[in-house]
Amino acid sequence: MGDLLIITTTSAGNAGGTTAVSTSLAGEADDFYINWYLLQTSGANAGEWRTVTDFTQTTGTLTVGRAFTAQVAS
């Protein structure tokens, strides 16, 4: 049960990255998305879920606790 928020993100960093950026989220309350789940739906990481551990309001950056297998934009 829960809400589904569909966003387009770009991943930052190198292979095994832990961040995704969505400018459409910029402006939400700082740390609002902590404990939400981030699911990649395309590319090399399709189907991988990660728990959001930090959200930066000014940039729309979601940080996850465990790195994705590969670094791709999705």
C-alpha atoms as a PDB file:
ATOM      1  CA  MET A   1       0.000   0.000   0.000  1.00  0.00           C
ATOM      2  CA  GLY A   2       1.134   3.517  -0.584  1.00  0.00           C
ATOM      3  CA  ASP A   3       1.518   6.252  -3.103  1.00  0.00           C
ATOM      4  CA  LEU A   4       3.346   6.027  -6.404  1.00  0.00           C
ATOM      5  CA  LEU A   5       5.122   9.152  -7.583  1.00  0.00           C
ATOM      6  CA  ILE A   6       6.438   8.831 -11.137  1.00  0.00           C
ATOM      7  CA  ILE A   7       9.370  11.129 -11.890  1.00  0.00           C
ATOM      8  CA  THR A   8      12.145  11.343 -14.431  1.00  0.00           C
ATOM      9  CA  THR A   9      15.596  11.493 -12.894  1.00  0.00           C
ATOM     10  CA  THR A  10      19.191  11.762 -13.879  1.00  0.00           C
ATOM     11  CA  SER A  11      21.743   9.820 -11.904  1.00  0.00           C
ATOM     12  CA  ALA A  12      24.847  11.541 -10.620  1.00  0.00           C
ATOM     13  CA  GLY A  13      28.312  10.134 -10.017  1.00  0.00           C
ATOM     14  CA  ASN A  14      30.073   7.009 -11.196  1.00  0.00           C
ATOM     15  CA  ALA A  15      29.101   3.343 -11.463  1.00  0.00           C
ATOM     16  CA  GLY A  16      27.443   2.186  -8.297  1.00  0.00           C
ATOM     17  CA  GLY A  17      25.937   5.622  -7.684  1.00  0.00           C
ATOM     18  CA  THR A  18      23.729   6.483  -4.753  1.00  0.00           C
ATOM     19  CA  THR A  19      21.963   9.624  -5.983  1.00  0.00           C
ATOM     20  CA  ALA A  20      19.218  10.562  -8.405  1.00  0.00           C
ATOM     21  CA  VAL A  21      18.226  14.128  -9.244  1.00  0.00           C
ATOM     22  CA  SER A  22      14.776  15.304 -10.254  1.00  0.00           C
ATOM     23  CA  THR A  23      14.295  19.015 -10.782  1.00  0.00           C
ATOM     24  CA  SER A  24      10.533  18.452 -10.518  1.00  0.00           C
ATOM     25  CA  LEU A  25      11.040  17.617  -6.813  1.00  0.00           C
ATOM     26  CA  ALA A  26      13.041  20.765  -6.083  1.00  0.00           C
ATOM     27  CA  GLY A  27      11.111  22.895  -3.638  1.00  0.00           C
ATOM     28  CA  GLU A  28       9.545  20.036  -1.656  1.00  0.00           C
ATOM     29  CA  ALA A  29      10.327  20.169   2.063  1.00  0.00           C
ATOM     30  CA  ASP A  30      13.916  19.237   2.928  1.00  0.00           C
ATOM     31  CA  ASP A  31      14.116  15.535   3.913  1.00  0.00           C
ATOM     32  CA  PHE A  32      10.487  14.987   2.834  1.00  0.00           C
ATOM     33  CA  TYR A  33      11.261  11.786   0.915  1.00  0.00           C
ATOM     34  CA  ILE A  34      13.348  10.040   3.600  1.00  0.00           C
ATOM     35  CA  ASN A  35      12.204   6.395   3.955  1.00  0.00           C
ATOM     36  CA  TRP A  36      10.405   6.462   0.604  1.00  0.00           C
ATOM     37  CA  TYR A  37      11.528   3.880  -1.944  1.00  0.00           C
ATOM     38  CA  LEU A  38      13.197   4.682  -5.235  1.00  0.00           C
ATOM     39  CA  LEU A  39      12.566   2.151  -8.011  1.00  0.00           C
ATOM     40  CA  GLN A  40      14.522   2.368 -11.236  1.00  0.00           C
ATOM     41  CA  THR A  41      12.318   1.385 -14.148  1.00  0.00           C
ATOM     42  CA  SER A  42      14.703   1.510 -17.084  1.00  0.00           C
ATOM     43  CA  GLY A  43      18.300   0.890 -18.012  1.00  0.00           C
ATOM     44  CA  ALA A  44      20.747  -1.453 -16.322  1.00  0.00           C
ATOM     45  CA  ASN A  45      19.111  -0.993 -12.901  1.00  0.00           C
ATOM     46  CA  ALA A  46      15.532  -1.690 -13.950  1.00  0.00           C
ATOM     47  CA  GLY A  47      13.687  -3.369 -11.099  1.00  0.00           C
ATOM     48  CA  GLU A  48      16.105  -2.311  -8.350  1.00  0.00           C
ATOM     49  CA  TRP A  49      14.549  -0.721  -5.230  1.00  0.00           C
ATOM     50  CA  ARG A  50      16.482   1.455  -2.787  1.00  0.00           C
ATOM     51  CA  THR A  51      15.448   3.288   0.391  1.00  0.00           C
ATOM     52  CA  VAL A  52      15.871   7.062   0.296  1.00  0.00           C
ATOM     53  CA  THR A  53      18.128   8.206   3.149  1.00  0.00           C
ATOM     54  CA  ASP A  54      18.368  11.917   2.325  1.00  0.00           C
ATOM     55  CA  PHE A  55      16.580  14.494   0.204  1.00  0.00           C
ATOM     56  CA  THR A  56      17.994  17.905  -0.668  1.00  0.00           C
ATOM     57  CA  GLN A  57      15.257  20.439  -1.324  1.00  0.00           C
ATOM     58  CA  THR A  58      17.248  22.968  -3.320  1.00  0.00           C
ATOM     59  CA  THR A  59      18.454  20.533  -5.980  1.00  0.00           C
ATOM     60  CA  GLY A  60      15.852  17.751  -5.887  1.00  0.00           C
ATOM     61  CA  THR A  61      18.580  15.216  -5.053  1.00  0.00           C
ATOM     62  CA  LEU A  62      17.523  11.868  -3.604  1.00  0.00           C
ATOM     63  CA  THR A  63      20.258   9.866  -1.869  1.00  0.00           C
ATOM     64  CA  VAL A  64      19.795   6.138  -1.296  1.00  0.00           C
ATOM     65  CA  GLY A  65      21.427   3.983   1.345  1.00  0.00           C
ATOM     66  CA  ARG A  66      22.785   1.267  -0.947  1.00  0.00           C
ATOM     67  CA  ALA A  67      24.352   1.877  -4.343  1.00  0.00           C
ATOM     68  CA  PHE A  68      22.640   0.824  -7.536  1.00  0.00           C
ATOM     69  CA  THR A  69      24.324  -1.933  -9.532  1.00  0.00           C
ATOM     70  CA  ALA A  70      25.196   0.348 -12.446  1.00  0.00           C
ATOM     71  CA  GLN A  71      25.099   4.089 -13.005  1.00  0.00           C
ATOM     72  CA  VAL A  72      22.527   5.104 -15.600  1.00  0.00           C
ATOM     73  CA  ALA A  73      20.083   7.924 -16.183  1.00  0.00           C
ATOM     74  CA  SER A  74      16.482   6.798 -16.154  1.00  0.00           C
END
